[in-house]
Amino acid sequence: MKICQVRLRSAFGIEYRLGILLDDTTVLDVNNVWNLKFEKEGRYNASDRANYYSPNSLHKILNLKDNPIAFFQESLELFKSFNSKGDLKLKGGQHLTYKLDGNEISLAKPIDKISTYRDFYAHEKHVAKGFEKRKEPIPEAWYEIPAYYKGPSLGFIGPEEEILWPSYTNILDYELELGMIIAREGKNLKAEKAHEHIFGFTILNDISARDIQKKEMAIRLGPAKGKDFCSVIGPVITTIDEFGGKEPNLLMTATINGEEWSRGHSGDSHFSFAEMIAHVSMDEWVIPGDFFGSGTVGTGCGLEIDKWIQEGDEIELNIEHIGSLKNKIGKKRKS
């Protein structure tokens, strides 16, 4: 399944709804499916029951459901049953599905709230290029532990939203990464079983202010202002059951203004997500809604290939079986 969040624009403002992407343009409203179920059972408080059983929040569902993937599968089967009978509206006229039009109805970031954001540094080709530019070898410790930094859980944007160019940086960069969302809490987990805690995968563009990041890392601290202003995720979260319950090896590409700049595979990572989860969970809770980035895939940023994005550029990151994450670079803010 492809889990998403829909942005509905109307004269009354903007509303966000949790959904399942059924095809390229059709989204199922999960909360409305359960609302219809309780209506048909003759419940006077069908909407309240739906909001309790199926909150309009992926973060809440991940934290309240023992098996969130099974819950979404059940929701999908319930819709199929209604659809076969032509039951596609609530009493109040709300529809069970939406048609994406890119304007009034569009995809937003696929998760409404992130518990903790950890971005790893797991692709050797990317790591090697960075240390080569610093005329240093890769530290031996890199091969021993899956290192990561913690970024802010706020400030994430989704597809088609404008990427912020902060006033304090002159060198902006994209980073092509695979993102992973945690479904189940755990502590002191073993790598052999850690994949059972994965909900699914999405595309991550970890935007970086390279000149600021360089200064921060020269102090052997950070990154902070070099990273914390904007990260992009979407367009959907493909659940791990779509890959047989295992971590997939996916083709990843990045194009700038229609020209391919980056190409790699998620399976080239030196550490698996299961190993990352096990490492993080040592005497520490991993909780539902935690978001892990794989780190940049080889050739997956301008720093590696000596090409730099500019104001107004169109960036498109593609990962097979997930989709395409498109954004435009905004104009540099004035200080």
C-alpha atoms as a PDB file:
ATOM      1  CA  MET A   1       0.000   0.000   0.000  1.00  0.00           C
ATOM      2  CA  LYS A   2       0.955   3.603  -0.547  1.00  0.00           C
ATOM      3  CA  ILE A   3       0.018   5.744   2.449  1.00  0.00           C
ATOM      4  CA  CYS A   4      -0.363   9.468   1.847  1.00  0.00           C
ATOM      5  CA  GLN A   5      -1.785  12.731   3.143  1.00  0.00           C
ATOM      6  CA  VAL A   6      -4.095  14.810   0.982  1.00  0.00           C
ATOM      7  CA  ARG A   7      -4.326  18.599   1.042  1.00  0.00           C
ATOM      8  CA  LEU A   8      -7.861  19.864   0.360  1.00  0.00           C
ATOM      9  CA  ARG A   9      -8.224  23.550  -0.515  1.00  0.00           C
ATOM     10  CA  SER A  10     -11.615  25.234  -0.295  1.00  0.00           C
ATOM     11  CA  ALA A  11     -13.223  28.563   0.512  1.00  0.00           C
ATOM     12  CA  PHE A  12     -13.091  27.498   4.165  1.00  0.00           C
ATOM     13  CA  GLY A  13      -9.293  27.002   4.175  1.00  0.00           C
ATOM     14  CA  ILE A  14      -6.970  24.008   3.945  1.00  0.00           C
ATOM     15  CA  GLU A  15      -7.723  20.583   5.388  1.00  0.00           C
ATOM     16  CA  TYR A  16      -5.415  17.565   5.507  1.00  0.00           C
ATOM     17  CA  ARG A  17      -6.752  14.004   5.231  1.00  0.00           C
ATOM     18  CA  LEU A  18      -4.978  10.669   5.723  1.00  0.00           C
ATOM     19  CA  GLY A  19      -5.332   8.359   2.757  1.00  0.00           C
ATOM     20  CA  ILE A  20      -4.291   5.334   0.752  1.00  0.00           C
ATOM     21  CA  LEU A  21      -3.230   6.010  -2.847  1.00  0.00           C
ATOM     22  CA  LEU A  22      -5.276   3.583  -4.950  1.00  0.00           C
ATOM     23  CA  ASP A  23      -3.844   4.595  -8.322  1.00  0.00           C
ATOM     24  CA  ASP A  24      -2.004   7.588  -9.804  1.00  0.00           C
ATOM     25  CA  THR A  25      -4.895   9.980  -9.170  1.00  0.00           C
ATOM     26  CA  THR A  26      -7.296   8.333  -6.678  1.00  0.00           C
ATOM     27  CA  VAL A  27      -6.938   8.529  -2.893  1.00  0.00           C
ATOM     28  CA  LEU A  28      -9.060   6.668  -0.354  1.00  0.00           C
ATOM     29  CA  ASP A  29     -10.016   8.645   2.775  1.00  0.00           C
ATOM     30  CA  VAL A  30      -9.407   6.152   5.595  1.00  0.00           C
ATOM     31  CA  ASN A  31     -11.364   7.999   8.283  1.00  0.00           C
ATOM     32  CA  ASN A  32     -14.413   8.357   6.028  1.00  0.00           C
ATOM     33  CA  VAL A  33     -14.426   4.606   5.328  1.00  0.00           C
ATOM     34  CA  TRP A  34     -14.821   3.885   9.028  1.00  0.00           C
ATOM     35  CA  ASN A  35     -17.332   6.701   9.396  1.00  0.00           C
ATOM     36  CA  LEU A  36     -19.487   5.006   6.750  1.00  0.00           C
ATOM     37  CA  LYS A  37     -19.129   1.656   8.508  1.00  0.00           C
ATOM     38  CA  PHE A  38     -20.470   3.082  11.760  1.00  0.00           C
ATOM     39  CA  GLU A  39     -23.252   4.913   9.897  1.00  0.00           C
ATOM     40  CA  LYS A  40     -24.384   1.641   8.351  1.00  0.00           C
ATOM     41  CA  GLU A  41     -24.369   0.033  11.794  1.00  0.00           C
ATOM     42  CA  GLY A  42     -26.900   2.679  12.816  1.00  0.00           C
ATOM     43  CA  ARG A  43     -24.639   4.430  15.331  1.00  0.00           C
ATOM     44  CA  TYR A  44     -25.826   7.921  16.260  1.00  0.00           C
ATOM     45  CA  ASN A  45     -22.204   9.028  16.890  1.00  0.00           C
ATOM     46  CA  ALA A  46     -20.637   7.455  13.796  1.00  0.00           C
ATOM     47  CA  SER A  47     -18.230  10.353  13.238  1.00  0.00           C
ATOM     48  CA  ASP A  48     -16.972  10.316  16.843  1.00  0.00           C
ATOM     49  CA  ARG A  49     -16.461   6.552  16.670  1.00  0.00           C
ATOM     50  CA  ALA A  50     -14.558   6.898  13.397  1.00  0.00           C
ATOM     51  CA  ASN A  51     -12.331   9.620  14.845  1.00  0.00           C
ATOM     52  CA  TYR A  52     -11.580   7.381  17.830  1.00  0.00           C
ATOM     53  CA  TYR A  53     -10.958   4.158  15.912  1.00  0.00           C
ATOM     54  CA  SER A  54      -9.381   5.718  12.816  1.00  0.00           C
ATOM     55  CA  PRO A  55      -7.901   9.133  13.682  1.00  0.00           C
ATOM     56  CA  ASN A  56      -7.063  11.380  10.765  1.00  0.00           C
ATOM     57  CA  SER A  57      -3.363  11.198  11.661  1.00  0.00           C
ATOM     58  CA  LEU A  58      -0.751   8.658  10.597  1.00  0.00           C
ATOM     59  CA  HIS A  59       1.343   9.508  13.650  1.00  0.00           C
ATOM     60  CA  LYS A  60      -1.565   8.663  15.966  1.00  0.00           C
ATOM     61  CA  ILE A  61      -2.341   5.417  14.139  1.00  0.00           C
ATOM     62  CA  LEU A  62       1.294   4.308  14.347  1.00  0.00           C
ATOM     63  CA  ASN A  63       1.259   4.981  18.087  1.00  0.00           C
ATOM     64  CA  LEU A  64      -2.148   3.450  18.828  1.00  0.00           C
ATOM     65  CA  LYS A  65      -2.338   0.386  16.572  1.00  0.00           C
ATOM     66  CA  ASP A  66      -0.350  -2.758  17.394  1.00  0.00           C
ATOM     67  CA  ASN A  67      -0.231  -3.589  13.675  1.00  0.00           C
ATOM     68  CA  PRO A  68      -0.822  -0.429  11.615  1.00  0.00           C
ATOM     69  CA  ILE A  69      -0.220  -2.165   8.293  1.00  0.00           C
ATOM     70  CA  ALA A  70      -2.969  -4.690   9.099  1.00  0.00           C
ATOM     71  CA  PHE A  71      -5.240  -1.773  10.035  1.00  0.00           C
ATOM     72  CA  PHE A  72      -4.732  -0.108   6.658  1.00  0.00           C
ATOM     73  CA  GLN A  73      -5.293  -3.438   4.903  1.00  0.00           C
ATOM     74  CA  GLU A  74      -8.555  -3.839   6.804  1.00  0.00           C
ATOM     75  CA  SER A  75      -9.566  -0.305   5.813  1.00  0.00           C
ATOM     76  CA  LEU A  76      -8.843  -1.083   2.163  1.00  0.00           C
ATOM     77  CA  GLU A  77     -10.909  -4.292   2.253  1.00  0.00           C
ATOM     78  CA  LEU A  78     -13.782  -2.403   3.884  1.00  0.00           C
ATOM     79  CA  PHE A  79     -13.684   0.142   1.053  1.00  0.00           C
ATOM     80  CA  LYS A  80     -13.694  -2.610  -1.577  1.00  0.00           C
ATOM     81  CA  SER A  81     -16.831  -4.027   0.019  1.00  0.00           C
ATOM     82  CA  PHE A  82     -18.573  -0.633  -0.037  1.00  0.00           C
ATOM     83  CA  ASN A  83     -17.384   0.059  -3.580  1.00  0.00           C
ATOM     84  CA  SER A  84     -18.821  -3.212  -4.867  1.00  0.00           C
ATOM     85  CA  LYS A  85     -22.233  -2.062  -3.619  1.00  0.00           C
ATOM     86  CA  GLY A  86     -21.879   1.500  -4.892  1.00  0.00           C
ATOM     87  CA  ASP A  87     -21.687   2.970  -1.367  1.00  0.00           C
ATOM     88  CA  LEU A  88     -19.245   5.836  -1.844  1.00  0.00           C
ATOM     89  CA  LYS A  89     -20.714   8.718   0.198  1.00  0.00           C
ATOM     90  CA  LEU A  90     -21.529   9.509   3.800  1.00  0.00           C
ATOM     91  CA  LYS A  91     -24.900  10.906   4.831  1.00  0.00           C
ATOM     92  CA  GLY A  92     -23.370  14.367   4.935  1.00  0.00           C
ATOM     93  CA  GLY A  93     -22.196  14.041   1.335  1.00  0.00           C
ATOM     94  CA  GLN A  94     -18.497  13.429   2.047  1.00  0.00           C
ATOM     95  CA  HIS A  95     -16.856  11.131  -0.472  1.00  0.00           C
ATOM     96  CA  LEU A  96     -14.769   8.053   0.304  1.00  0.00           C
ATOM     97  CA  THR A  97     -12.264   8.912  -2.434  1.00  0.00           C
ATOM     98  CA  TYR A  98     -10.660  12.008  -3.930  1.00  0.00           C
ATOM     99  CA  LYS A  99      -9.288  12.688  -7.403  1.00  0.00           C
ATOM    100  CA  LEU A 100      -5.955  14.484  -7.319  1.00  0.00           C
ATOM    101  CA  ASP A 101      -5.946  17.570  -9.522  1.00  0.00           C
ATOM    102  CA  GLY A 102      -2.709  19.232  -8.403  1.00  0.00           C
ATOM    103  CA  ASN A 103      -4.543  22.341  -7.247  1.00  0.00           C
ATOM    104  CA  GLU A 104      -7.567  22.048  -4.947  1.00  0.00           C
ATOM    105  CA  ILE A 105      -6.720  18.415  -4.169  1.00  0.00           C
ATOM    106  CA  SER A 106      -3.033  17.478  -3.949  1.00  0.00           C
ATOM    107  CA  LEU A 107      -0.570  15.341  -2.029  1.00  0.00           C
ATOM    108  CA  ALA A 108       1.155  16.798   1.039  1.00  0.00           C
ATOM    109  CA  LYS A 109       3.968  15.286   3.103  1.00  0.00           C
ATOM    110  CA  PRO A 110       2.846  11.710   3.880  1.00  0.00           C
ATOM    111  CA  ILE A 111       3.119  11.848   7.685  1.00  0.00           C
ATOM    112  CA  ASP A 112       1.628  14.626   9.787  1.00  0.00           C
ATOM    113  CA  LYS A 113       4.091  14.424  12.680  1.00  0.00           C
ATOM    114  CA  ILE A 114       7.571  12.936  13.120  1.00  0.00           C
ATOM    115  CA  SER A 115       8.606  11.726  16.564  1.00  0.00           C
ATOM    116  CA  THR A 116      12.392  11.903  16.118  1.00  0.00           C
ATOM    117  CA  TYR A 117      14.441  12.527  12.974  1.00  0.00           C
ATOM    118  CA  ARG A 118      17.748  10.699  12.541  1.00  0.00           C
ATOM    119  CA  ASP A 119      19.728  10.947   9.317  1.00  0.00           C
ATOM    120  CA  PHE A 120      22.468   8.390   8.767  1.00  0.00           C
ATOM    121  CA  TYR A 121      25.657   8.398   6.713  1.00  0.00           C
ATOM    122  CA  ALA A 122      25.553   4.869   5.352  1.00  0.00           C
ATOM    123  CA  HIS A 123      26.519   4.937   1.646  1.00  0.00           C
ATOM    124  CA  GLU A 124      30.260   4.388   1.274  1.00  0.00           C
ATOM    125  CA  LYS A 125      30.523   5.941  -2.192  1.00  0.00           C
ATOM    126  CA  HIS A 126      29.095   9.227  -0.888  1.00  0.00           C
ATOM    127  CA  VAL A 127      31.202   9.120   2.272  1.00  0.00           C
ATOM    128  CA  ALA A 128      34.396   8.373   0.330  1.00  0.00           C
ATOM    129  CA  LYS A 129      33.876  11.345  -1.978  1.00  0.00           C
ATOM    130  CA  GLY A 130      33.405  13.704   0.946  1.00  0.00           C
ATOM    131  CA  PHE A 131      36.586  12.605   2.685  1.00  0.00           C
ATOM    132  CA  GLU A 132      38.472  12.666  -0.621  1.00  0.00           C
ATOM    133  CA  LYS A 133      37.591  16.351  -0.999  1.00  0.00           C
ATOM    134  CA  ARG A 134      38.976  16.923   2.501  1.00  0.00           C
ATOM    135  CA  LYS A 135      42.072  14.907   1.564  1.00  0.00           C
ATOM    136  CA  GLU A 136      41.381  12.475   4.392  1.00  0.00           C
ATOM    137  CA  PRO A 137      40.761   8.711   4.519  1.00  0.00           C
ATOM    138  CA  ILE A 138      37.426   7.346   5.711  1.00  0.00           C
ATOM    139  CA  PRO A 139      37.791   6.845   9.494  1.00  0.00           C
ATOM    140  CA  GLU A 140      37.844   3.204  10.584  1.00  0.00           C
ATOM    141  CA  ALA A 141      35.038   3.977  13.031  1.00  0.00           C
ATOM    142  CA  TRP A 142      32.682   4.632  10.091  1.00  0.00           C
ATOM    143  CA  TYR A 143      32.787   0.918   9.247  1.00  0.00           C
ATOM    144  CA  GLU A 144      32.069  -0.043  12.867  1.00  0.00           C
ATOM    145  CA  ILE A 145      28.895   1.891  13.725  1.00  0.00           C
ATOM    146  CA  PRO A 146      26.051   3.452  11.698  1.00  0.00           C
ATOM    147  CA  ALA A 147      26.624   7.109  12.576  1.00  0.00           C
ATOM    148  CA  TYR A 148      23.834   9.682  12.310  1.00  0.00           C
ATOM    149  CA  TYR A 149      22.867  13.216  13.239  1.00  0.00           C
ATOM    150  CA  LYS A 150      19.593  14.315  14.809  1.00  0.00           C
ATOM    151  CA  GLY A 151      17.635  16.991  13.005  1.00  0.00           C
ATOM    152  CA  PRO A 152      14.475  18.859  13.985  1.00  0.00           C
ATOM    153  CA  SER A 153      11.192  17.008  13.559  1.00  0.00           C
ATOM    154  CA  LEU A 154       9.483  20.223  12.428  1.00  0.00           C
ATOM    155  CA  GLY A 155      10.091  22.017   9.148  1.00  0.00           C
ATOM    156  CA  PHE A 156       9.466  19.069   6.817  1.00  0.00           C
ATOM    157  CA  ILE A 157       7.665  19.894   3.581  1.00  0.00           C
ATOM    158  CA  GLY A 158       6.105  17.698   0.913  1.00  0.00           C
ATOM    159  CA  PRO A 159       5.807  17.395  -2.866  1.00  0.00           C
ATOM    160  CA  GLU A 160       5.417  20.504  -5.028  1.00  0.00           C
ATOM    161  CA  GLU A 161       6.215  22.834  -2.102  1.00  0.00           C
ATOM    162  CA  GLU A 162       8.894  25.500  -2.507  1.00  0.00           C
ATOM    163  CA  ILE A 163      12.280  24.724  -0.954  1.00  0.00           C
ATOM    164  CA  LEU A 164      13.552  27.449   1.340  1.00  0.00           C
ATOM    165  CA  TRP A 165      16.837  29.195   0.421  1.00  0.00           C
ATOM    166  CA  PRO A 166      17.938  30.760   3.732  1.00  0.00           C
ATOM    167  CA  SER A 167      19.425  34.245   3.830  1.00  0.00           C
ATOM    168  CA  TYR A 168      22.631  33.012   5.489  1.00  0.00           C
ATOM    169  CA  THR A 169      23.845  30.586   2.790  1.00  0.00           C
ATOM    170  CA  ASN A 170      25.176  30.986  -0.746  1.00  0.00           C
ATOM    171  CA  ILE A 171      25.561  27.278  -1.570  1.00  0.00           C
ATOM    172  CA  LEU A 172      22.455  25.113  -1.464  1.00  0.00           C
ATOM    173  CA  ASP A 173      22.472  21.383  -2.218  1.00  0.00           C
ATOM    174  CA  TYR A 174      20.004  18.523  -2.581  1.00  0.00           C
ATOM    175  CA  GLU A 175      20.546  15.026  -1.165  1.00  0.00           C
ATOM    176  CA  LEU A 176      18.926  11.922  -2.649  1.00  0.00           C
ATOM    177  CA  GLU A 177      18.025   9.530   0.188  1.00  0.00           C
ATOM    178  CA  LEU A 178      15.690   6.688   1.090  1.00  0.00           C
ATOM    179  CA  GLY A 179      13.602   7.415   4.175  1.00  0.00           C
ATOM    180  CA  MET A 180      12.123   4.880   6.619  1.00  0.00           C
ATOM    181  CA  ILE A 181       9.314   5.207   9.186  1.00  0.00           C
ATOM    182  CA  ILE A 182       9.104   3.177  12.403  1.00  0.00           C
ATOM    183  CA  ALA A 183       5.810   1.379  13.174  1.00  0.00           C
ATOM    184  CA  ARG A 184       6.489  -0.349  16.501  1.00  0.00           C
ATOM    185  CA  GLU A 185       8.327   0.708  19.649  1.00  0.00           C
ATOM    186  CA  GLY A 186      11.351  -1.242  20.813  1.00  0.00           C
ATOM    187  CA  LYS A 187      14.425  -1.154  22.998  1.00  0.00           C
ATOM    188  CA  ASN A 188      17.665  -3.176  22.794  1.00  0.00           C
ATOM    189  CA  LEU A 189      16.541  -4.745  19.538  1.00  0.00           C
ATOM    190  CA  LYS A 190      18.544  -7.292  17.555  1.00  0.00           C
ATOM    191  CA  ALA A 191      19.297  -6.567  13.914  1.00  0.00           C
ATOM    192  CA  GLU A 192      17.872  -9.962  12.896  1.00  0.00           C
ATOM    193  CA  LYS A 193      14.399  -8.908  14.066  1.00  0.00           C
ATOM    194  CA  ALA A 194      14.559  -5.118  13.747  1.00  0.00           C
ATOM    195  CA  HIS A 195      12.954  -5.078  10.285  1.00  0.00           C
ATOM    196  CA  GLU A 196       9.702  -6.108  12.014  1.00  0.00           C
ATOM    197  CA  HIS A 197       9.546  -2.562  13.422  1.00  0.00           C
ATOM    198  CA  ILE A 198       9.553  -0.876   9.995  1.00  0.00           C
ATOM    199  CA  PHE A 199       6.319   0.626   8.676  1.00  0.00           C
ATOM    200  CA  GLY A 200       7.489   1.663   5.239  1.00  0.00           C
ATOM    201  CA  PHE A 201       9.718   3.735   2.988  1.00  0.00           C
ATOM    202  CA  THR A 202       9.568   7.166   1.367  1.00  0.00           C
ATOM    203  CA  ILE A 203      11.801   9.598  -0.514  1.00  0.00           C
ATOM    204  CA  LEU A 204      13.908  12.072   1.455  1.00  0.00           C
ATOM    205  CA  ASN A 205      15.580  15.203   0.107  1.00  0.00           C
ATOM    206  CA  ASP A 206      17.836  16.411   2.927  1.00  0.00           C
ATOM    207  CA  ILE A 207      18.511  19.982   1.790  1.00  0.00           C
ATOM    208  CA  SER A 208      21.916  21.300   2.875  1.00  0.00           C
ATOM    209  CA  ALA A 209      23.600  24.702   3.148  1.00  0.00           C
ATOM    210  CA  ARG A 210      27.075  23.514   2.201  1.00  0.00           C
ATOM    211  CA  ASP A 211      29.070  26.627   3.104  1.00  0.00           C
ATOM    212  CA  ILE A 212      27.537  26.741   6.599  1.00  0.00           C
ATOM    213  CA  GLN A 213      27.833  22.990   7.044  1.00  0.00           C
ATOM    214  CA  LYS A 214      31.542  23.171   6.170  1.00  0.00           C
ATOM    215  CA  LYS A 215      32.143  25.736   8.923  1.00  0.00           C
ATOM    216  CA  GLU A 216      30.171  23.731  11.477  1.00  0.00           C
ATOM    217  CA  MET A 217      31.961  20.478  10.701  1.00  0.00           C
ATOM    218  CA  ALA A 218      35.359  22.203  10.874  1.00  0.00           C
ATOM    219  CA  ILE A 219      34.567  22.785  14.549  1.00  0.00           C
ATOM    220  CA  ARG A 220      33.796  19.033  14.851  1.00  0.00           C
ATOM    221  CA  LEU A 221      30.211  19.758  15.824  1.00  0.00           C
ATOM    222  CA  GLY A 222      26.931  19.749  13.968  1.00  0.00           C
ATOM    223  CA  PRO A 223      25.518  19.890  11.401  1.00  0.00           C
ATOM    224  CA  ALA A 224      22.979  22.387  12.660  1.00  0.00           C
ATOM    225  CA  LYS A 225      22.143  25.539  10.656  1.00  0.00           C
ATOM    226  CA  GLY A 226      23.646  23.764   7.652  1.00  0.00           C
ATOM    227  CA  LYS A 227      20.718  21.324   7.728  1.00  0.00           C
ATOM    228  CA  ASP A 228      17.932  22.366  10.060  1.00  0.00           C
ATOM    229  CA  PHE A 229      15.964  24.756   7.845  1.00  0.00           C
ATOM    230  CA  CYS A 230      14.274  22.366   5.374  1.00  0.00           C
ATOM    231  CA  SER A 231      13.855  18.679   4.559  1.00  0.00           C
ATOM    232  CA  VAL A 232      11.471  17.226   1.972  1.00  0.00           C
ATOM    233  CA  ILE A 233       9.625  13.876   2.118  1.00  0.00           C
ATOM    234  CA  GLY A 234       7.042  12.145  -0.038  1.00  0.00           C
ATOM    235  CA  PRO A 235       5.065  11.725  -2.076  1.00  0.00           C
ATOM    236  CA  VAL A 236       3.870   8.551  -0.291  1.00  0.00           C
ATOM    237  CA  ILE A 237       5.038   5.906   2.170  1.00  0.00           C
ATOM    238  CA  THR A 238       5.179   2.467   0.559  1.00  0.00           C
ATOM    239  CA  THR A 239       4.573  -0.087   3.314  1.00  0.00           C
ATOM    240  CA  ILE A 240       7.172  -2.798   3.880  1.00  0.00           C
ATOM    241  CA  ASP A 241       4.721  -5.611   3.074  1.00  0.00           C
ATOM    242  CA  GLU A 242       4.912  -4.447  -0.558  1.00  0.00           C
ATOM    243  CA  PHE A 243       8.511  -5.700  -0.472  1.00  0.00           C
ATOM    244  CA  GLY A 244       7.719  -9.027   1.172  1.00  0.00           C
ATOM    245  CA  GLY A 245       8.495  -7.663   4.634  1.00  0.00           C
ATOM    246  CA  LYS A 246      12.149  -7.131   3.707  1.00  0.00           C
ATOM    247  CA  GLU A 247      14.318  -4.123   2.952  1.00  0.00           C
ATOM    248  CA  PRO A 248      14.280  -3.476  -0.806  1.00  0.00           C
ATOM    249  CA  ASN A 249      17.087  -2.566  -3.179  1.00  0.00           C
ATOM    250  CA  LEU A 250      15.612   0.320  -5.151  1.00  0.00           C
ATOM    251  CA  LEU A 251      16.845   2.388  -8.082  1.00  0.00           C
ATOM    252  CA  MET A 252      17.193   6.045  -7.093  1.00  0.00           C
ATOM    253  CA  THR A 253      17.657   9.018  -9.453  1.00  0.00           C
ATOM    254  CA  ALA A 254      17.705  12.800  -9.280  1.00  0.00           C
ATOM    255  CA  THR A 255      17.019  15.164 -12.161  1.00  0.00           C
ATOM    256  CA  ILE A 256      17.506  18.921 -12.177  1.00  0.00           C
ATOM    257  CA  ASN A 257      15.473  20.840 -14.765  1.00  0.00           C
ATOM    258  CA  GLY A 258      14.930  17.556 -16.609  1.00  0.00           C
ATOM    259  CA  GLU A 259      18.617  16.531 -16.684  1.00  0.00           C
ATOM    260  CA  GLU A 260      19.697  13.477 -14.708  1.00  0.00           C
ATOM    261  CA  TRP A 261      22.441  14.324 -12.194  1.00  0.00           C
ATOM    262  CA  SER A 262      22.325  11.344  -9.824  1.00  0.00           C
ATOM    263  CA  ARG A 263      21.771   7.578 -10.040  1.00  0.00           C
ATOM    264  CA  GLY A 264      22.284   4.864  -7.434  1.00  0.00           C
ATOM    265  CA  HIS A 265      20.672   2.021  -5.507  1.00  0.00           C
ATOM    266  CA  SER A 266      19.417   1.940  -1.932  1.00  0.00           C
ATOM    267  CA  GLY A 267      20.964  -1.526  -1.489  1.00  0.00           C
ATOM    268  CA  ASP A 268      24.459  -0.035  -1.807  1.00  0.00           C
ATOM    269  CA  SER A 269      24.232   1.100   1.816  1.00  0.00           C
ATOM    270  CA  HIS A 270      26.981  -0.253   4.069  1.00  0.00           C
ATOM    271  CA  PHE A 271      24.453  -0.633   6.907  1.00  0.00           C
ATOM    272  CA  SER A 272      20.876  -1.903   6.620  1.00  0.00           C
ATOM    273  CA  PHE A 273      17.985  -0.094   8.261  1.00  0.00           C
ATOM    274  CA  ALA A 274      17.687  -3.089  10.599  1.00  0.00           C
ATOM    275  CA  GLU A 275      21.273  -2.485  11.748  1.00  0.00           C
ATOM    276  CA  MET A 276      20.517   1.217  12.178  1.00  0.00           C
ATOM    277  CA  ILE A 277      17.450   0.423  14.292  1.00  0.00           C
ATOM    278  CA  ALA A 278      19.405  -2.020  16.445  1.00  0.00           C
ATOM    279  CA  HIS A 279      22.158   0.548  16.982  1.00  0.00           C
ATOM    280  CA  VAL A 280      19.763   3.352  17.933  1.00  0.00           C
ATOM    281  CA  SER A 281      17.760   1.097  20.260  1.00  0.00           C
ATOM    282  CA  MET A 282      20.700   0.245  22.522  1.00  0.00           C
ATOM    283  CA  ASP A 283      19.396   1.361  25.941  1.00  0.00           C
ATOM    284  CA  GLU A 284      17.120   3.825  24.127  1.00  0.00           C
ATOM    285  CA  TRP A 285      13.545   3.622  22.886  1.00  0.00           C
ATOM    286  CA  VAL A 286      12.775   3.603  19.190  1.00  0.00           C
ATOM    287  CA  ILE A 287       9.154   4.740  18.924  1.00  0.00           C
ATOM    288  CA  PRO A 288       6.404   4.817  16.269  1.00  0.00           C
ATOM    289  CA  GLY A 289       6.705   7.816  13.995  1.00  0.00           C
ATOM    290  CA  ASP A 290      10.502   7.939  14.222  1.00  0.00           C
ATOM    291  CA  PHE A 291      11.995   8.818  10.845  1.00  0.00           C
ATOM    292  CA  PHE A 292      15.347   7.485   9.597  1.00  0.00           C
ATOM    293  CA  GLY A 293      17.230   8.755   6.537  1.00  0.00           C
ATOM    294  CA  SER A 294      19.664   6.407   4.815  1.00  0.00           C
ATOM    295  CA  GLY A 295      22.174   9.101   4.042  1.00  0.00           C
ATOM    296  CA  THR A 296      22.931  10.262   0.503  1.00  0.00           C
ATOM    297  CA  VAL A 297      23.259   7.548  -2.123  1.00  0.00           C
ATOM    298  CA  GLY A 298      26.453   7.610  -4.213  1.00  0.00           C
ATOM    299  CA  THR A 299      26.441  10.565  -6.704  1.00  0.00           C
ATOM    300  CA  GLY A 300      23.300  11.774  -4.910  1.00  0.00           C
ATOM    301  CA  CYS A 301      24.221  15.420  -4.315  1.00  0.00           C
ATOM    302  CA  GLY A 302      25.889  18.389  -5.964  1.00  0.00           C
ATOM    303  CA  LEU A 303      28.859  18.231  -3.597  1.00  0.00           C
ATOM    304  CA  GLU A 304      29.894  14.894  -5.089  1.00  0.00           C
ATOM    305  CA  ILE A 305      29.479  15.789  -8.738  1.00  0.00           C
ATOM    306  CA  ASP A 306      30.511  19.470  -8.548  1.00  0.00           C
ATOM    307  CA  LYS A 307      27.179  20.743  -9.839  1.00  0.00           C
ATOM    308  CA  TRP A 308      25.108  23.216  -7.875  1.00  0.00           C
ATOM    309  CA  ILE A 309      21.401  23.963  -7.836  1.00  0.00           C
ATOM    310  CA  GLN A 310      20.248  27.540  -8.356  1.00  0.00           C
ATOM    311  CA  GLU A 311      17.207  29.667  -7.548  1.00  0.00           C
ATOM    312  CA  GLY A 312      14.176  28.530  -9.508  1.00  0.00           C
ATOM    313  CA  ASP A 313      15.543  25.080 -10.359  1.00  0.00           C
ATOM    314  CA  GLU A 314      13.106  22.170 -10.582  1.00  0.00           C
ATOM    315  CA  ILE A 315      14.285  19.131  -8.591  1.00  0.00           C
ATOM    316  CA  GLU A 316      12.776  15.682  -9.099  1.00  0.00           C
ATOM    317  CA  LEU A 317      13.865  12.707  -6.988  1.00  0.00           C
ATOM    318  CA  ASN A 318      12.640   9.285  -8.110  1.00  0.00           C
ATOM    319  CA  ILE A 319      12.751   5.981  -6.234  1.00  0.00           C
ATOM    320  CA  GLU A 320      11.135   2.963  -7.849  1.00  0.00           C
ATOM    321  CA  HIS A 321       7.999   1.585  -6.164  1.00  0.00           C
ATOM    322  CA  ILE A 322       7.640   4.846  -4.207  1.00  0.00           C
ATOM    323  CA  GLY A 323       7.252   7.576  -6.798  1.00  0.00           C
ATOM    324  CA  SER A 324       8.506  11.009  -7.726  1.00  0.00           C
ATOM    325  CA  LEU A 325       9.212  13.888  -5.328  1.00  0.00           C
ATOM    326  CA  LYS A 326       9.148  17.214  -7.167  1.00  0.00           C
ATOM    327  CA  ASN A 327      10.016  20.629  -5.758  1.00  0.00           C
ATOM    328  CA  LYS A 328      11.195  24.042  -6.867  1.00  0.00           C
ATOM    329  CA  ILE A 329      14.033  26.005  -5.303  1.00  0.00           C
ATOM    330  CA  GLY A 330      12.885  29.360  -3.909  1.00  0.00           C
ATOM    331  CA  LYS A 331      14.687  32.667  -4.151  1.00  0.00           C
ATOM    332  CA  LYS A 332      17.330  33.428  -1.551  1.00  0.00           C
ATOM    333  CA  ARG A 333      15.812  35.220   1.395  1.00  0.00           C
ATOM    334  CA  LYS A 334      17.056  38.690   2.239  1.00  0.00           C
ATOM    335  CA  SER A 335      18.789  39.059   5.580  1.00  0.00           C
END
